[in-house]
Amino acid sequence: YSPWLNKIERLWQSLHETVTRNHGCQYMWQLLEKVKTFLNSCLYRNSRE
């Protein structure tokens, strides 16, 4: 198994480093909004390639 070659593993790692690690959100809905924003930005970024 080679997680560094798997695109979804890199996405999850980036999500964790950018959003979920030490997020500081008081409520779950706030964290979910941050995750949603992150994933939408990834979709937009990949659609331009």
PDB file of N, CA and C in Angstrom:
ATOM      1  N   TYR A   1       0.840  -1.181   0.000  1.00  0.00           N
ATOM      2  CA  TYR A   1       0.000   0.000   0.000  1.00  0.00           C
ATOM      3  C   TYR A   1       0.883   1.241   0.000  1.00  0.00           C
ATOM      4  N   SER A   2       0.586   2.176  -0.875  1.00  0.00           N
ATOM      5  CA  SER A   2       1.386   3.395  -1.018  1.00  0.00           C
ATOM      6  C   SER A   2       0.495   4.627  -0.892  1.00  0.00           C
ATOM      7  N   PRO A   3       0.247   5.104   0.322  1.00  0.00           N
ATOM      8  CA  PRO A   3      -0.678   6.227   0.502  1.00  0.00           C
ATOM      9  C   PRO A   3      -0.235   7.501  -0.203  1.00  0.00           C
ATOM     10  N   TRP A   4       1.065   7.687  -0.391  1.00  0.00           N
ATOM     11  CA  TRP A   4       1.549   8.902  -1.049  1.00  0.00           C
ATOM     12  C   TRP A   4       1.211   8.926  -2.539  1.00  0.00           C
ATOM     13  N   LEU A   5       0.840   7.783  -3.110  1.00  0.00           N
ATOM     14  CA  LEU A   5       0.444   7.720  -4.515  1.00  0.00           C
ATOM     15  C   LEU A   5      -1.065   7.845  -4.699  1.00  0.00           C
ATOM     16  N   ASN A   6      -1.803   7.677  -3.625  1.00  0.00           N
ATOM     17  CA  ASN A   6      -3.258   7.700  -3.682  1.00  0.00           C
ATOM     18  C   ASN A   6      -3.751   9.141  -3.509  1.00  0.00           C
ATOM     19  N   LYS A   7      -4.445   9.654  -4.508  1.00  0.00           N
ATOM     20  CA  LYS A   7      -4.887  11.056  -4.479  1.00  0.00           C
ATOM     21  C   LYS A   7      -5.806  11.359  -3.303  1.00  0.00           C
ATOM     22  N   ILE A   8      -6.685  10.432  -2.956  1.00  0.00           N
ATOM     23  CA  ILE A   8      -7.620  10.697  -1.856  1.00  0.00           C
ATOM     24  C   ILE A   8      -6.877  10.789  -0.525  1.00  0.00           C
ATOM     25  N   GLU A   9      -5.817  10.003  -0.369  1.00  0.00           N
ATOM     26  CA  GLU A   9      -5.017  10.086   0.860  1.00  0.00           C
ATOM     27  C   GLU A   9      -4.346  11.451   0.970  1.00  0.00           C
ATOM     28  N   ARG A  10      -3.868  11.982  -0.150  1.00  0.00           N
ATOM     29  CA  ARG A  10      -3.253  13.314  -0.131  1.00  0.00           C
ATOM     30  C   ARG A  10      -4.294  14.378   0.180  1.00  0.00           C
ATOM     31  N   LEU A  11      -5.511  14.188  -0.339  1.00  0.00           N
ATOM     32  CA  LEU A  11      -6.589  15.130  -0.031  1.00  0.00           C
ATOM     33  C   LEU A  11      -6.906  15.109   1.457  1.00  0.00           C
ATOM     34  N   TRP A  12      -7.046  13.909   2.039  1.00  0.00           N
ATOM     35  CA  TRP A  12      -7.356  13.807   3.468  1.00  0.00           C
ATOM     36  C   TRP A  12      -6.245  14.415   4.309  1.00  0.00           C
ATOM     37  N   GLN A  13      -4.992  14.189   3.912  1.00  0.00           N
ATOM     38  CA  GLN A  13      -3.873  14.766   4.656  1.00  0.00           C
ATOM     39  C   GLN A  13      -3.915  16.291   4.598  1.00  0.00           C
ATOM     40  N   SER A  14      -4.174  16.814   3.426  1.00  0.00           N
ATOM     41  CA  SER A  14      -4.262  18.264   3.273  1.00  0.00           C
ATOM     42  C   SER A  14      -5.426  18.832   4.082  1.00  0.00           C
ATOM     43  N   LEU A  15      -6.570  18.148   4.061  1.00  0.00           N
ATOM     44  CA  LEU A  15      -7.729  18.565   4.855  1.00  0.00           C
ATOM     45  C   LEU A  15      -7.368  18.596   6.337  1.00  0.00           C
ATOM     46  N   HIS A  16      -6.706  17.564   6.788  1.00  0.00           N
ATOM     47  CA  HIS A  16      -6.335  17.487   8.202  1.00  0.00           C
ATOM     48  C   HIS A  16      -5.360  18.608   8.575  1.00  0.00           C
ATOM     49  N   GLU A  17      -4.347  18.818   7.743  1.00  0.00           N
ATOM     50  CA  GLU A  17      -3.356  19.852   8.042  1.00  0.00           C
ATOM     51  C   GLU A  17      -3.952  21.257   7.983  1.00  0.00           C
ATOM     52  N   THR A  18      -4.893  21.465   7.062  1.00  0.00           N
ATOM     53  CA  THR A  18      -5.436  22.795   6.821  1.00  0.00           C
ATOM     54  C   THR A  18      -6.627  23.129   7.709  1.00  0.00           C
ATOM     55  N   VAL A  19      -7.489  22.144   7.964  1.00  0.00           N
ATOM     56  CA  VAL A  19      -8.771  22.436   8.608  1.00  0.00           C
ATOM     57  C   VAL A  19      -8.943  21.741   9.950  1.00  0.00           C
ATOM     58  N   THR A  20      -8.830  20.431   9.978  1.00  0.00           N
ATOM     59  CA  THR A  20      -9.283  19.707  11.165  1.00  0.00           C
ATOM     60  C   THR A  20      -8.280  19.657  12.311  1.00  0.00           C
ATOM     61  N   ARG A  21      -7.003  19.810  12.046  1.00  0.00           N
ATOM     62  CA  ARG A  21      -6.018  19.792  13.126  1.00  0.00           C
ATOM     63  C   ARG A  21      -6.084  21.122  13.876  1.00  0.00           C
ATOM     64  N   ASN A  22      -6.341  21.052  15.159  1.00  0.00           N
ATOM     65  CA  ASN A  22      -6.416  22.251  16.010  1.00  0.00           C
ATOM     66  C   ASN A  22      -7.363  23.300  15.440  1.00  0.00           C
ATOM     67  N   HIS A  23      -8.546  22.875  15.081  1.00  0.00           N
ATOM     68  CA  HIS A  23      -9.494  23.746  14.380  1.00  0.00           C
ATOM     69  C   HIS A  23     -10.031  24.875  15.240  1.00  0.00           C
ATOM     70  N   GLY A  24     -10.238  24.656  16.526  1.00  0.00           N
ATOM     71  CA  GLY A  24     -10.713  25.712  17.408  1.00  0.00           C
ATOM     72  C   GLY A  24     -12.184  26.063  17.261  1.00  0.00           C
ATOM     73  N   CYS A  25     -12.939  25.228  16.585  1.00  0.00           N
ATOM     74  CA  CYS A  25     -14.378  25.484  16.424  1.00  0.00           C
ATOM     75  C   CYS A  25     -15.105  25.087  17.703  1.00  0.00           C
ATOM     76  N   GLN A  26     -16.053  25.896  18.087  1.00  0.00           N
ATOM     77  CA  GLN A  26     -16.822  25.596  19.285  1.00  0.00           C
ATOM     78  C   GLN A  26     -17.929  24.591  18.980  1.00  0.00           C
ATOM     79  N   TYR A  27     -18.468  24.646  17.771  1.00  0.00           N
ATOM     80  CA  TYR A  27     -19.587  23.786  17.398  1.00  0.00           C
ATOM     81  C   TYR A  27     -19.237  22.950  16.173  1.00  0.00           C
ATOM     82  N   MET A  28     -19.830  21.771  16.115  1.00  0.00           N
ATOM     83  CA  MET A  28     -19.585  20.869  14.997  1.00  0.00           C
ATOM     84  C   MET A  28     -19.986  21.499  13.668  1.00  0.00           C
ATOM     85  N   TRP A  29     -21.076  22.266  13.630  1.00  0.00           N
ATOM     86  CA  TRP A  29     -21.512  22.857  12.367  1.00  0.00           C
ATOM     87  C   TRP A  29     -20.472  23.827  11.824  1.00  0.00           C
ATOM     88  N   GLN A  30     -19.722  24.479  12.712  1.00  0.00           N
ATOM     89  CA  GLN A  30     -18.662  25.389  12.263  1.00  0.00           C
ATOM     90  C   GLN A  30     -17.527  24.612  11.590  1.00  0.00           C
ATOM     91  N   LEU A  31     -17.161  23.498  12.185  1.00  0.00           N
ATOM     92  CA  LEU A  31     -16.127  22.648  11.598  1.00  0.00           C
ATOM     93  C   LEU A  31     -16.589  22.088  10.259  1.00  0.00           C
ATOM     94  N   LEU A  32     -17.836  21.656  10.194  1.00  0.00           N
ATOM     95  CA  LEU A  32     -18.368  21.119   8.941  1.00  0.00           C
ATOM     96  C   LEU A  32     -18.386  22.174   7.842  1.00  0.00           C
ATOM     97  N   GLU A  33     -18.670  23.408   8.184  1.00  0.00           N
ATOM     98  CA  GLU A  33     -18.629  24.492   7.195  1.00  0.00           C
ATOM     99  C   GLU A  33     -17.209  24.702   6.673  1.00  0.00           C
ATOM    100  N   LYS A  34     -16.228  24.621   7.562  1.00  0.00           N
ATOM    101  CA  LYS A  34     -14.835  24.764   7.137  1.00  0.00           C
ATOM    102  C   LYS A  34     -14.424  23.620   6.214  1.00  0.00           C
ATOM    103  N   VAL A  35     -14.851  22.410   6.546  1.00  0.00           N
ATOM    104  CA  VAL A  35     -14.553  21.246   5.703  1.00  0.00           C
ATOM    105  C   VAL A  35     -15.214  21.410   4.340  1.00  0.00           C
ATOM    106  N   LYS A  36     -16.466  21.825   4.336  1.00  0.00           N
ATOM    107  CA  LYS A  36     -17.194  22.036   3.081  1.00  0.00           C
ATOM    108  C   LYS A  36     -16.499  23.084   2.216  1.00  0.00           C
ATOM    109  N   THR A  37     -16.084  24.179   2.812  1.00  0.00           N
ATOM    110  CA  THR A  37     -15.381  25.233   2.080  1.00  0.00           C
ATOM    111  C   THR A  37     -14.074  24.705   1.496  1.00  0.00           C
ATOM    112  N   PHE A  38     -13.338  23.943   2.290  1.00  0.00           N
ATOM    113  CA  PHE A  38     -12.079  23.363   1.816  1.00  0.00           C
ATOM    114  C   PHE A  38     -12.318  22.441   0.628  1.00  0.00           C
ATOM    115  N   LEU A  39     -13.283  21.536   0.747  1.00  0.00           N
ATOM    116  CA  LEU A  39     -13.548  20.585  -0.336  1.00  0.00           C
ATOM    117  C   LEU A  39     -14.042  21.290  -1.591  1.00  0.00           C
ATOM    118  N   ASN A  40     -14.876  22.297  -1.427  1.00  0.00           N
ATOM    119  CA  ASN A  40     -15.337  23.062  -2.591  1.00  0.00           C
ATOM    120  C   ASN A  40     -14.175  23.776  -3.273  1.00  0.00           C
ATOM    121  N   SER A  41     -13.244  24.288  -2.500  1.00  0.00           N
ATOM    122  CA  SER A  41     -12.093  24.962  -3.111  1.00  0.00           C
ATOM    123  C   SER A  41     -11.222  23.965  -3.869  1.00  0.00           C
ATOM    124  N   CYS A  42     -11.134  22.743  -3.377  1.00  0.00           N
ATOM    125  CA  CYS A  42     -10.375  21.702  -4.089  1.00  0.00           C
ATOM    126  C   CYS A  42     -11.064  21.336  -5.390  1.00  0.00           C
ATOM    127  N   LEU A  43     -12.374  21.235  -5.375  1.00  0.00           N
ATOM    128  CA  LEU A  43     -13.119  20.916  -6.596  1.00  0.00           C
ATOM    129  C   LEU A  43     -12.934  22.010  -7.631  1.00  0.00           C
ATOM    130  N   TYR A  44     -13.002  23.254  -7.200  1.00  0.00           N
ATOM    131  CA  TYR A  44     -12.838  24.383  -8.110  1.00  0.00           C
ATOM    132  C   TYR A  44     -11.425  24.403  -8.683  1.00  0.00           C
ATOM    133  N   ARG A  45     -10.443  24.188  -7.829  1.00  0.00           N
ATOM    134  CA  ARG A  45      -9.045  24.206  -8.256  1.00  0.00           C
ATOM    135  C   ARG A  45      -8.783  23.099  -9.275  1.00  0.00           C
ATOM    136  N   ASN A  46      -9.325  21.897  -9.044  1.00  0.00           N
ATOM    137  CA  ASN A  46      -9.112  20.767  -9.949  1.00  0.00           C
ATOM    138  C   ASN A  46      -9.885  20.911 -11.249  1.00  0.00           C
ATOM    139  N   SER A  47     -10.975  21.636 -11.248  1.00  0.00           N
ATOM    140  CA  SER A  47     -11.764  21.789 -12.472  1.00  0.00           C
ATOM    141  C   SER A  47     -11.065  22.694 -13.480  1.00  0.00           C
ATOM    142  N   ARG A  48     -10.135  23.512 -13.013  1.00  0.00           N
ATOM    143  CA  ARG A  48      -9.408  24.417 -13.911  1.00  0.00           C
ATOM    144  C   ARG A  48      -8.215  23.738 -14.561  1.00  0.00           C
ATOM    145  N   GLU A  49      -7.812  22.567 -14.083  1.00  0.00           N
ATOM    146  CA  GLU A  49      -6.632  21.880 -14.633  1.00  0.00           C
ATOM    147  C   GLU A  49      -6.975  21.084 -15.858  1.00  0.00           C
TER     148      GLU A  49
END
